[in-house]
Amino acid sequence: MIIKADINDINVAAELAFKLWKHHTIDELKKEFINVLENNKSAVFIKYISDKPIGFAFCSLRNDYVEGSSTNPVGYLEGIFIDEPYRCKGYAKNLLSECEKVG
């Protein structure tokens, strides 16, 4: 199951993001995701297996310059993560597919 995160999912999203971005604190990531959820051009998706969160994707539509892009806005994958035991099973691809629908 993949859900589009809302304010009730902030803790789960931040804990997953911390596994990817260890140079941030969980509190910093919570604040970032609160800002993301208030922006209708960004989204966070969380992948669950049997009620266990195992990965996330954070994506946005950017209007600023994105290297290699000649159009505006451009879809941008800010980050994607799958817990190691669940990798190579297509879950990241599923999350990316959800990101492609943002807009």
PDB file of N, CA and C in Angstrom:
ATOM      1  N   MET A   1       0.836  -1.169   0.000  1.00  0.00           N
ATOM      2  CA  MET A   1       0.000   0.000   0.000  1.00  0.00           C
ATOM      3  C   MET A   1       0.890   1.245   0.000  1.00  0.00           C
ATOM      4  N   ILE A   2       0.514   2.224  -0.784  1.00  0.00           N
ATOM      5  CA  ILE A   2       1.190   3.521  -0.812  1.00  0.00           C
ATOM      6  C   ILE A   2       0.161   4.579  -0.474  1.00  0.00           C
ATOM      7  N   ILE A   3       0.520   5.455   0.474  1.00  0.00           N
ATOM      8  CA  ILE A   3      -0.367   6.561   0.819  1.00  0.00           C
ATOM      9  C   ILE A   3       0.329   7.889   0.520  1.00  0.00           C
ATOM     10  N   LYS A   4      -0.470   8.889   0.215  1.00  0.00           N
ATOM     11  CA  LYS A   4       0.035  10.256   0.140  1.00  0.00           C
ATOM     12  C   LYS A   4      -0.020  10.791   1.559  1.00  0.00           C
ATOM     13  N   ALA A   5       1.117  11.194   2.089  1.00  0.00           N
ATOM     14  CA  ALA A   5       1.205  11.611   3.482  1.00  0.00           C
ATOM     15  C   ALA A   5       0.390  12.873   3.734  1.00  0.00           C
ATOM     16  N   ASP A   6      -0.172  12.933   4.938  1.00  0.00           N
ATOM     17  CA  ASP A   6      -0.804  14.153   5.418  1.00  0.00           C
ATOM     18  C   ASP A   6      -0.212  14.459   6.792  1.00  0.00           C
ATOM     19  N   ILE A   7      -0.757  15.447   7.461  1.00  0.00           N
ATOM     20  CA  ILE A   7      -0.186  15.903   8.726  1.00  0.00           C
ATOM     21  C   ILE A   7      -0.076  14.775   9.757  1.00  0.00           C
ATOM     22  N   ASN A   8      -0.954  13.789   9.692  1.00  0.00           N
ATOM     23  CA  ASN A   8      -0.910  12.668  10.633  1.00  0.00           C
ATOM     24  C   ASN A   8       0.259  11.722  10.375  1.00  0.00           C
ATOM     25  N   ASP A   9       0.901  11.867   9.222  1.00  0.00           N
ATOM     26  CA  ASP A   9       2.001  10.982   8.841  1.00  0.00           C
ATOM     27  C   ASP A   9       3.382  11.630   9.009  1.00  0.00           C
ATOM     28  N   ILE A  10       3.431  12.805   9.621  1.00  0.00           N
ATOM     29  CA  ILE A  10       4.689  13.555   9.746  1.00  0.00           C
ATOM     30  C   ILE A  10       5.767  12.736  10.448  1.00  0.00           C
ATOM     31  N   ASN A  11       5.437  12.102  11.554  1.00  0.00           N
ATOM     32  CA  ASN A  11       6.448  11.350  12.307  1.00  0.00           C
ATOM     33  C   ASN A  11       7.013  10.202  11.479  1.00  0.00           C
ATOM     34  N   VAL A  12       6.151   9.469  10.805  1.00  0.00           N
ATOM     35  CA  VAL A  12       6.591   8.339   9.979  1.00  0.00           C
ATOM     36  C   VAL A  12       7.486   8.841   8.847  1.00  0.00           C
ATOM     37  N   ALA A  13       7.049   9.901   8.168  1.00  0.00           N
ATOM     38  CA  ALA A  13       7.838  10.450   7.056  1.00  0.00           C
ATOM     39  C   ALA A  13       9.197  10.924   7.538  1.00  0.00           C
ATOM     40  N   ALA A  14       9.232  11.620   8.664  1.00  0.00           N
ATOM     41  CA  ALA A  14      10.500  12.140   9.185  1.00  0.00           C
ATOM     42  C   ALA A  14      11.449  11.016   9.603  1.00  0.00           C
ATOM     43  N   GLU A  15      10.916   9.975  10.215  1.00  0.00           N
ATOM     44  CA  GLU A  15      11.765   8.851  10.632  1.00  0.00           C
ATOM     45  C   GLU A  15      12.351   8.117   9.430  1.00  0.00           C
ATOM     46  N   LEU A  16      11.573   7.953   8.378  1.00  0.00           N
ATOM     47  CA  LEU A  16      12.098   7.336   7.154  1.00  0.00           C
ATOM     48  C   LEU A  16      13.124   8.250   6.492  1.00  0.00           C
ATOM     49  N   ALA A  17      12.826   9.545   6.442  1.00  0.00           N
ATOM     50  CA  ALA A  17      13.737  10.501   5.809  1.00  0.00           C
ATOM     51  C   ALA A  17      15.063  10.575   6.554  1.00  0.00           C
ATOM     52  N   PHE A  18      15.024  10.411   7.864  1.00  0.00           N
ATOM     53  CA  PHE A  18      16.254  10.447   8.654  1.00  0.00           C
ATOM     54  C   PHE A  18      17.214   9.325   8.252  1.00  0.00           C
ATOM     55  N   LYS A  19      16.681   8.216   7.799  1.00  0.00           N
ATOM     56  CA  LYS A  19      17.529   7.113   7.341  1.00  0.00           C
ATOM     57  C   LYS A  19      18.273   7.480   6.067  1.00  0.00           C
ATOM     58  N   LEU A  20      17.736   8.412   5.305  1.00  0.00           N
ATOM     59  CA  LEU A  20      18.372   8.881   4.071  1.00  0.00           C
ATOM     60  C   LEU A  20      19.236  10.106   4.331  1.00  0.00           C
ATOM     61  N   TRP A  21      18.722  11.038   5.112  1.00  0.00           N
ATOM     62  CA  TRP A  21      19.407  12.311   5.362  1.00  0.00           C
ATOM     63  C   TRP A  21      19.833  12.403   6.822  1.00  0.00           C
ATOM     64  N   LYS A  22      20.848  11.651   7.197  1.00  0.00           N
ATOM     65  CA  LYS A  22      21.294  11.567   8.591  1.00  0.00           C
ATOM     66  C   LYS A  22      21.933  12.864   9.102  1.00  0.00           C
ATOM     67  N   HIS A  23      22.250  13.782   8.188  1.00  0.00           N
ATOM     68  CA  HIS A  23      22.840  15.053   8.611  1.00  0.00           C
ATOM     69  C   HIS A  23      21.781  16.029   9.137  1.00  0.00           C
ATOM     70  N   HIS A  24      20.520  15.643   9.101  1.00  0.00           N
ATOM     71  CA  HIS A  24      19.426  16.422   9.676  1.00  0.00           C
ATOM     72  C   HIS A  24      18.922  15.726  10.926  1.00  0.00           C
ATOM     73  N   THR A  25      18.218  16.478  11.763  1.00  0.00           N
ATOM     74  CA  THR A  25      17.547  15.852  12.906  1.00  0.00           C
ATOM     75  C   THR A  25      16.124  15.478  12.487  1.00  0.00           C
ATOM     76  N   ILE A  26      15.522  14.607  13.247  1.00  0.00           N
ATOM     77  CA  ILE A  26      14.133  14.238  12.967  1.00  0.00           C
ATOM     78  C   ILE A  26      13.227  15.457  13.111  1.00  0.00           C
ATOM     79  N   ASP A  27      13.509  16.320  14.092  1.00  0.00           N
ATOM     80  CA  ASP A  27      12.697  17.531  14.256  1.00  0.00           C
ATOM     81  C   ASP A  27      12.820  18.455  13.044  1.00  0.00           C
ATOM     82  N   GLU A  28      14.019  18.598  12.492  1.00  0.00           N
ATOM     83  CA  GLU A  28      14.190  19.403  11.279  1.00  0.00           C
ATOM     84  C   GLU A  28      13.377  18.822  10.120  1.00  0.00           C
ATOM     85  N   LEU A  29      13.424  17.520  10.005  1.00  0.00           N
ATOM     86  CA  LEU A  29      12.693  16.866   8.920  1.00  0.00           C
ATOM     87  C   LEU A  29      11.184  16.997   9.111  1.00  0.00           C
ATOM     88  N   LYS A  30      10.715  16.933  10.344  1.00  0.00           N
ATOM     89  CA  LYS A  30       9.288  17.141  10.609  1.00  0.00           C
ATOM     90  C   LYS A  30       8.862  18.527  10.137  1.00  0.00           C
ATOM     91  N   LYS A  31       9.654  19.544  10.485  1.00  0.00           N
ATOM     92  CA  LYS A  31       9.338  20.917  10.068  1.00  0.00           C
ATOM     93  C   LYS A  31       9.324  21.025   8.548  1.00  0.00           C
ATOM     94  N   GLU A  32      10.291  20.393   7.901  1.00  0.00           N
ATOM     95  CA  GLU A  32      10.355  20.418   6.438  1.00  0.00           C
ATOM     96  C   GLU A  32       9.100  19.776   5.840  1.00  0.00           C
ATOM     97  N   PHE A  33       8.696  18.649   6.354  1.00  0.00           N
ATOM     98  CA  PHE A  33       7.534  17.967   5.803  1.00  0.00           C
ATOM     99  C   PHE A  33       6.229  18.711   6.108  1.00  0.00           C
ATOM    100  N   ILE A  34       6.159  19.409   7.217  1.00  0.00           N
ATOM    101  CA  ILE A  34       4.981  20.251   7.470  1.00  0.00           C
ATOM    102  C   ILE A  34       4.881  21.312   6.382  1.00  0.00           C
ATOM    103  N   ASN A  35       6.012  21.941   6.045  1.00  0.00           N
ATOM    104  CA  ASN A  35       6.024  22.937   4.958  1.00  0.00           C
ATOM    105  C   ASN A  35       5.638  22.292   3.626  1.00  0.00           C
ATOM    106  N   VAL A  36       6.130  21.097   3.385  1.00  0.00           N
ATOM    107  CA  VAL A  36       5.829  20.381   2.143  1.00  0.00           C
ATOM    108  C   VAL A  36       4.335  20.114   2.026  1.00  0.00           C
ATOM    109  N   LEU A  37       3.728  19.681   3.116  1.00  0.00           N
ATOM    110  CA  LEU A  37       2.315  19.333   3.083  1.00  0.00           C
ATOM    111  C   LEU A  37       1.421  20.560   2.904  1.00  0.00           C
ATOM    112  N   GLU A  38       1.936  21.736   3.252  1.00  0.00           N
ATOM    113  CA  GLU A  38       1.182  22.969   3.049  1.00  0.00           C
ATOM    114  C   GLU A  38       1.298  23.480   1.615  1.00  0.00           C
ATOM    115  N   ASN A  39       2.211  22.904   0.834  1.00  0.00           N
ATOM    116  CA  ASN A  39       2.480  23.334  -0.532  1.00  0.00           C
ATOM    117  C   ASN A  39       1.805  22.366  -1.495  1.00  0.00           C
ATOM    118  N   ASN A  40       0.935  22.869  -2.336  1.00  0.00           N
ATOM    119  CA  ASN A  40       0.229  21.967  -3.241  1.00  0.00           C
ATOM    120  C   ASN A  40       1.066  21.531  -4.437  1.00  0.00           C
ATOM    121  N   LYS A  41       2.336  21.926  -4.469  1.00  0.00           N
ATOM    122  CA  LYS A  41       3.223  21.500  -5.556  1.00  0.00           C
ATOM    123  C   LYS A  41       4.268  20.496  -5.081  1.00  0.00           C
ATOM    124  N   SER A  42       4.076  19.978  -3.886  1.00  0.00           N
ATOM    125  CA  SER A  42       4.983  18.978  -3.328  1.00  0.00           C
ATOM    126  C   SER A  42       4.163  17.869  -2.693  1.00  0.00           C
ATOM    127  N   ALA A  43       4.780  16.691  -2.592  1.00  0.00           N
ATOM    128  CA  ALA A  43       4.090  15.561  -1.969  1.00  0.00           C
ATOM    129  C   ALA A  43       5.097  14.588  -1.386  1.00  0.00           C
ATOM    130  N   VAL A  44       4.645  13.880  -0.377  1.00  0.00           N
ATOM    131  CA  VAL A  44       5.406  12.797   0.233  1.00  0.00           C
ATOM    132  C   VAL A  44       4.526  11.556   0.176  1.00  0.00           C
ATOM    133  N   PHE A  45       5.084  10.479  -0.334  1.00  0.00           N
ATOM    134  CA  PHE A  45       4.375   9.205  -0.405  1.00  0.00           C
ATOM    135  C   PHE A  45       5.101   8.209   0.487  1.00  0.00           C
ATOM    136  N   ILE A  46       4.336   7.389   1.190  1.00  0.00           N
ATOM    137  CA  ILE A  46       4.908   6.383   2.096  1.00  0.00           C
ATOM    138  C   ILE A  46       4.426   5.010   1.659  1.00  0.00           C
ATOM    139  N   LYS A  47       5.384   4.085   1.559  1.00  0.00           N
ATOM    140  CA  LYS A  47       5.094   2.692   1.199  1.00  0.00           C
ATOM    141  C   LYS A  47       4.993   1.868   2.478  1.00  0.00           C
ATOM    142  N   TYR A  48       3.909   1.114   2.575  1.00  0.00           N
ATOM    143  CA  TYR A  48       3.677   0.225   3.713  1.00  0.00           C
ATOM    144  C   TYR A  48       3.622  -1.220   3.236  1.00  0.00           C
ATOM    145  N   ILE A  49       4.156  -2.104   4.055  1.00  0.00           N
ATOM    146  CA  ILE A  49       4.012  -3.553   3.897  1.00  0.00           C
ATOM    147  C   ILE A  49       3.432  -4.047   5.219  1.00  0.00           C
ATOM    148  N   SER A  50       2.238  -4.592   5.179  1.00  0.00           N
ATOM    149  CA  SER A  50       1.574  -5.096   6.394  1.00  0.00           C
ATOM    150  C   SER A  50       1.623  -4.087   7.536  1.00  0.00           C
ATOM    151  N   ASP A  51       1.208  -2.882   7.276  1.00  0.00           N
ATOM    152  CA  ASP A  51       1.163  -1.790   8.261  1.00  0.00           C
ATOM    153  C   ASP A  51       2.531  -1.310   8.733  1.00  0.00           C
ATOM    154  N   LYS A  52       3.607  -1.761   8.102  1.00  0.00           N
ATOM    155  CA  LYS A  52       4.947  -1.302   8.465  1.00  0.00           C
ATOM    156  C   LYS A  52       5.443  -0.347   7.375  1.00  0.00           C
ATOM    157  N   PRO A  53       5.814   0.895   7.762  1.00  0.00           N
ATOM    158  CA  PRO A  53       6.362   1.818   6.772  1.00  0.00           C
ATOM    159  C   PRO A  53       7.770   1.390   6.379  1.00  0.00           C
ATOM    160  N   ILE A  54       8.006   1.181   5.082  1.00  0.00           N
ATOM    161  CA  ILE A  54       9.308   0.668   4.642  1.00  0.00           C
ATOM    162  C   ILE A  54      10.014   1.612   3.657  1.00  0.00           C
ATOM    163  N   GLY A  55       9.349   2.690   3.270  1.00  0.00           N
ATOM    164  CA  GLY A  55      10.003   3.608   2.348  1.00  0.00           C
ATOM    165  C   GLY A  55       9.159   4.839   2.082  1.00  0.00           C
ATOM    166  N   PHE A  56       9.793   5.820   1.445  1.00  0.00           N
ATOM    167  CA  PHE A  56       9.096   7.055   1.111  1.00  0.00           C
ATOM    168  C   PHE A  56       9.706   7.670  -0.137  1.00  0.00           C
ATOM    169  N   ALA A  57       8.932   8.565  -0.735  1.00  0.00           N
ATOM    170  CA  ALA A  57       9.420   9.410  -1.820  1.00  0.00           C
ATOM    171  C   ALA A  57       8.906  10.817  -1.561  1.00  0.00           C
ATOM    172  N   PHE A  58       9.758  11.794  -1.809  1.00  0.00           N
ATOM    173  CA  PHE A  58       9.434  13.204  -1.650  1.00  0.00           C
ATOM    174  C   PHE A  58       9.664  13.844  -3.005  1.00  0.00           C
ATOM    175  N   CYS A  59       8.622  14.413  -3.584  1.00  0.00           N
ATOM    176  CA  CYS A  59       8.727  14.992  -4.920  1.00  0.00           C
ATOM    177  C   CYS A  59       8.045  16.355  -4.961  1.00  0.00           C
ATOM    178  N   SER A  60       8.409  17.130  -5.981  1.00  0.00           N
ATOM    179  CA  SER A  60       7.822  18.461  -6.121  1.00  0.00           C
ATOM    180  C   SER A  60       7.827  18.896  -7.573  1.00  0.00           C
ATOM    181  N   LEU A  61       7.035  19.913  -7.838  1.00  0.00           N
ATOM    182  CA  LEU A  61       7.089  20.616  -9.112  1.00  0.00           C
ATOM    183  C   LEU A  61       7.874  21.892  -8.849  1.00  0.00           C
ATOM    184  N   ARG A  62       9.010  22.028  -9.527  1.00  0.00           N
ATOM    185  CA  ARG A  62       9.873  23.175  -9.296  1.00  0.00           C
ATOM    186  C   ARG A  62       9.734  24.189 -10.425  1.00  0.00           C
ATOM    187  N   ASN A  63       9.695  25.449 -10.021  1.00  0.00           N
ATOM    188  CA  ASN A  63       9.680  26.542 -10.983  1.00  0.00           C
ATOM    189  C   ASN A  63      11.041  27.211 -11.094  1.00  0.00           C
ATOM    190  N   ASP A  64      11.947  26.863 -10.189  1.00  0.00           N
ATOM    191  CA  ASP A  64      13.296  27.413 -10.249  1.00  0.00           C
ATOM    192  C   ASP A  64      14.137  26.589 -11.219  1.00  0.00           C
ATOM    193  N   TYR A  65      15.363  26.976 -11.423  1.00  0.00           N
ATOM    194  CA  TYR A  65      16.240  26.278 -12.357  1.00  0.00           C
ATOM    195  C   TYR A  65      16.557  24.879 -11.838  1.00  0.00           C
ATOM    196  N   VAL A  66      16.423  23.913 -12.717  1.00  0.00           N
ATOM    197  CA  VAL A  66      16.805  22.535 -12.425  1.00  0.00           C
ATOM    198  C   VAL A  66      17.782  22.118 -13.523  1.00  0.00           C
ATOM    199  N   GLU A  67      18.991  21.750 -13.106  1.00  0.00           N
ATOM    200  CA  GLU A  67      20.036  21.377 -14.062  1.00  0.00           C
ATOM    201  C   GLU A  67      19.538  20.308 -15.030  1.00  0.00           C
ATOM    202  N   GLY A  68      19.762  20.565 -16.309  1.00  0.00           N
ATOM    203  CA  GLY A  68      19.407  19.607 -17.346  1.00  0.00           C
ATOM    204  C   GLY A  68      17.993  19.778 -17.877  1.00  0.00           C
ATOM    205  N   SER A  69      17.240  20.700 -17.300  1.00  0.00           N
ATOM    206  CA  SER A  69      15.859  20.903 -17.736  1.00  0.00           C
ATOM    207  C   SER A  69      15.744  22.189 -18.545  1.00  0.00           C
ATOM    208  N   SER A  70      14.920  22.138 -19.569  1.00  0.00           N
ATOM    209  CA  SER A  70      14.693  23.342 -20.369  1.00  0.00           C
ATOM    210  C   SER A  70      13.236  23.795 -20.290  1.00  0.00           C
ATOM    211  N   THR A  71      12.436  23.165 -19.441  1.00  0.00           N
ATOM    212  CA  THR A  71      11.036  23.539 -19.287  1.00  0.00           C
ATOM    213  C   THR A  71      10.750  23.954 -17.857  1.00  0.00           C
ATOM    214  N   ASN A  72       9.633  24.599 -17.671  1.00  0.00           N
ATOM    215  CA  ASN A  72       9.205  25.043 -16.370  1.00  0.00           C
ATOM    216  C   ASN A  72       7.702  24.910 -16.278  1.00  0.00           C
ATOM    217  N   PRO A  73       7.097  24.376 -15.236  1.00  0.00           N
ATOM    218  CA  PRO A  73       7.775  23.729 -14.117  1.00  0.00           C
ATOM    219  C   PRO A  73       8.312  22.357 -14.504  1.00  0.00           C
ATOM    220  N   VAL A  74       9.133  21.809 -13.638  1.00  0.00           N
ATOM    221  CA  VAL A  74       9.701  20.490 -13.883  1.00  0.00           C
ATOM    222  C   VAL A  74       9.482  19.619 -12.641  1.00  0.00           C
ATOM    223  N   GLY A  75       9.096  18.372 -12.874  1.00  0.00           N
ATOM    224  CA  GLY A  75       8.965  17.425 -11.775  1.00  0.00           C
ATOM    225  C   GLY A  75      10.342  17.083 -11.232  1.00  0.00           C
ATOM    226  N   TYR A  76      10.466  17.035  -9.914  1.00  0.00           N
ATOM    227  CA  TYR A  76      11.765  16.805  -9.290  1.00  0.00           C
ATOM    228  C   TYR A  76      11.608  15.822  -8.139  1.00  0.00           C
ATOM    229  N   LEU A  77      12.417  14.797  -8.164  1.00  0.00           N
ATOM    230  CA  LEU A  77      12.448  13.824  -7.073  1.00  0.00           C
ATOM    231  C   LEU A  77      13.449  14.321  -6.041  1.00  0.00           C
ATOM    232  N   GLU A  78      12.944  14.812  -4.930  1.00  0.00           N
ATOM    233  CA  GLU A  78      13.795  15.370  -3.873  1.00  0.00           C
ATOM    234  C   GLU A  78      14.525  14.262  -3.114  1.00  0.00           C
ATOM    235  N   GLY A  79      13.857  13.134  -2.946  1.00  0.00           N
ATOM    236  CA  GLY A  79      14.467  12.020  -2.238  1.00  0.00           C
ATOM    237  C   GLY A  79      13.582  10.794  -2.303  1.00  0.00           C
ATOM    238  N   ILE A  80      14.234   9.642  -2.277  1.00  0.00           N
ATOM    239  CA  ILE A  80      13.503   8.372  -2.269  1.00  0.00           C
ATOM    240  C   ILE A  80      14.319   7.379  -1.452  1.00  0.00           C
ATOM    241  N   PHE A  81      13.628   6.555  -0.661  1.00  0.00           N
ATOM    242  CA  PHE A  81      14.317   5.612   0.213  1.00  0.00           C
ATOM    243  C   PHE A  81      13.444   4.392   0.442  1.00  0.00           C
ATOM    244  N   ILE A  82      14.079   3.235   0.425  1.00  0.00           N
ATOM    245  CA  ILE A  82      13.448   1.954   0.791  1.00  0.00           C
ATOM    246  C   ILE A  82      14.381   1.266   1.791  1.00  0.00           C
ATOM    247  N   ASP A  83      13.802   0.788   2.904  1.00  0.00           N
ATOM    248  CA  ASP A  83      14.613   0.030   3.873  1.00  0.00           C
ATOM    249  C   ASP A  83      15.294  -1.137   3.167  1.00  0.00           C
ATOM    250  N   GLU A  84      16.522  -1.411   3.572  1.00  0.00           N
ATOM    251  CA  GLU A  84      17.364  -2.393   2.879  1.00  0.00           C
ATOM    252  C   GLU A  84      16.718  -3.762   2.650  1.00  0.00           C
ATOM    253  N   PRO A  85      16.044  -4.349   3.620  1.00  0.00           N
ATOM    254  CA  PRO A  85      15.469  -5.683   3.367  1.00  0.00           C
ATOM    255  C   PRO A  85      14.397  -5.709   2.274  1.00  0.00           C
ATOM    256  N   TYR A  86      13.891  -4.545   1.907  1.00  0.00           N
ATOM    257  CA  TYR A  86      12.791  -4.476   0.943  1.00  0.00           C
ATOM    258  C   TYR A  86      13.231  -3.952  -0.429  1.00  0.00           C
ATOM    259  N   ARG A  87      14.520  -3.756  -0.600  1.00  0.00           N
ATOM    260  CA  ARG A  87      15.030  -3.228  -1.863  1.00  0.00           C
ATOM    261  C   ARG A  87      15.001  -4.284  -2.969  1.00  0.00           C
ATOM    262  N   CYS A  88      15.054  -3.814  -4.206  1.00  0.00           N
ATOM    263  CA  CYS A  88      15.083  -4.662  -5.410  1.00  0.00           C
ATOM    264  C   CYS A  88      13.785  -5.454  -5.581  1.00  0.00           C
ATOM    265  N   LYS A  89      12.688  -4.871  -5.131  1.00  0.00           N
ATOM    266  CA  LYS A  89      11.381  -5.530  -5.257  1.00  0.00           C
ATOM    267  C   LYS A  89      10.400  -4.655  -6.044  1.00  0.00           C
ATOM    268  N   GLY A  90      10.882  -3.526  -6.573  1.00  0.00           N
ATOM    269  CA  GLY A  90      10.027  -2.640  -7.356  1.00  0.00           C
ATOM    270  C   GLY A  90       9.286  -1.594  -6.542  1.00  0.00           C
ATOM    271  N   TYR A  91       9.531  -1.526  -5.233  1.00  0.00           N
ATOM    272  CA  TYR A  91       8.806  -0.575  -4.396  1.00  0.00           C
ATOM    273  C   TYR A  91       9.191   0.868  -4.703  1.00  0.00           C
ATOM    274  N   ALA A  92      10.455   1.130  -4.966  1.00  0.00           N
ATOM    275  CA  ALA A  92      10.874   2.493  -5.323  1.00  0.00           C
ATOM    276  C   ALA A  92      10.217   2.913  -6.638  1.00  0.00           C
ATOM    277  N   LYS A  93      10.126   1.995  -7.572  1.00  0.00           N
ATOM    278  CA  LYS A  93       9.466   2.279  -8.849  1.00  0.00           C
ATOM    279  C   LYS A  93       8.003   2.633  -8.616  1.00  0.00           C
ATOM    280  N   ASN A  94       7.336   1.922  -7.709  1.00  0.00           N
ATOM    281  CA  ASN A  94       5.939   2.222  -7.379  1.00  0.00           C
ATOM    282  C   ASN A  94       5.796   3.617  -6.773  1.00  0.00           C
ATOM    283  N   LEU A  95       6.727   3.966  -5.876  1.00  0.00           N
ATOM    284  CA  LEU A  95       6.703   5.305  -5.285  1.00  0.00           C
ATOM    285  C   LEU A  95       6.935   6.373  -6.357  1.00  0.00           C
ATOM    286  N   LEU A  96       7.869   6.120  -7.245  1.00  0.00           N
ATOM    287  CA  LEU A  96       8.150   7.071  -8.321  1.00  0.00           C
ATOM    288  C   LEU A  96       6.919   7.259  -9.211  1.00  0.00           C
ATOM    289  N   SER A  97       6.193   6.207  -9.471  1.00  0.00           N
ATOM    290  CA  SER A  97       4.975   6.309 -10.264  1.00  0.00           C
ATOM    291  C   SER A  97       3.955   7.239  -9.607  1.00  0.00           C
ATOM    292  N   GLU A  98       3.861   7.191  -8.284  1.00  0.00           N
ATOM    293  CA  GLU A  98       2.971   8.102  -7.573  1.00  0.00           C
ATOM    294  C   GLU A  98       3.459   9.546  -7.703  1.00  0.00           C
ATOM    295  N   CYS A  99       4.763   9.737  -7.641  1.00  0.00           N
ATOM    296  CA  CYS A  99       5.327  11.088  -7.784  1.00  0.00           C
ATOM    297  C   CYS A  99       5.012  11.667  -9.168  1.00  0.00           C
ATOM    298  N   GLU A 100       5.006  10.834 -10.155  1.00  0.00           N
ATOM    299  CA  GLU A 100       4.747  11.311 -11.522  1.00  0.00           C
ATOM    300  C   GLU A 100       3.333  11.869 -11.673  1.00  0.00           C
ATOM    301  N   LYS A 101       2.452  11.532 -10.755  1.00  0.00           N
ATOM    302  CA  LYS A 101       1.064  12.002 -10.814  1.00  0.00           C
ATOM    303  C   LYS A 101       0.872  13.371 -10.148  1.00  0.00           C
ATOM    304  N   VAL A 102       1.895  13.862  -9.415  1.00  0.00           N
ATOM    305  CA  VAL A 102       1.786  15.140  -8.726  1.00  0.00           C
ATOM    306  C   VAL A 102       1.675  16.259  -9.752  1.00  0.00           C
ATOM    307  N   GLY A 103       0.788  17.160  -9.493  1.00  0.00           N
ATOM    308  CA  GLY A 103       0.674  18.285 -10.406  1.00  0.00           C
ATOM    309  C   GLY A 103      -0.666  18.782 -10.404  1.00  0.00           C
TER     310      GLY A 103
END
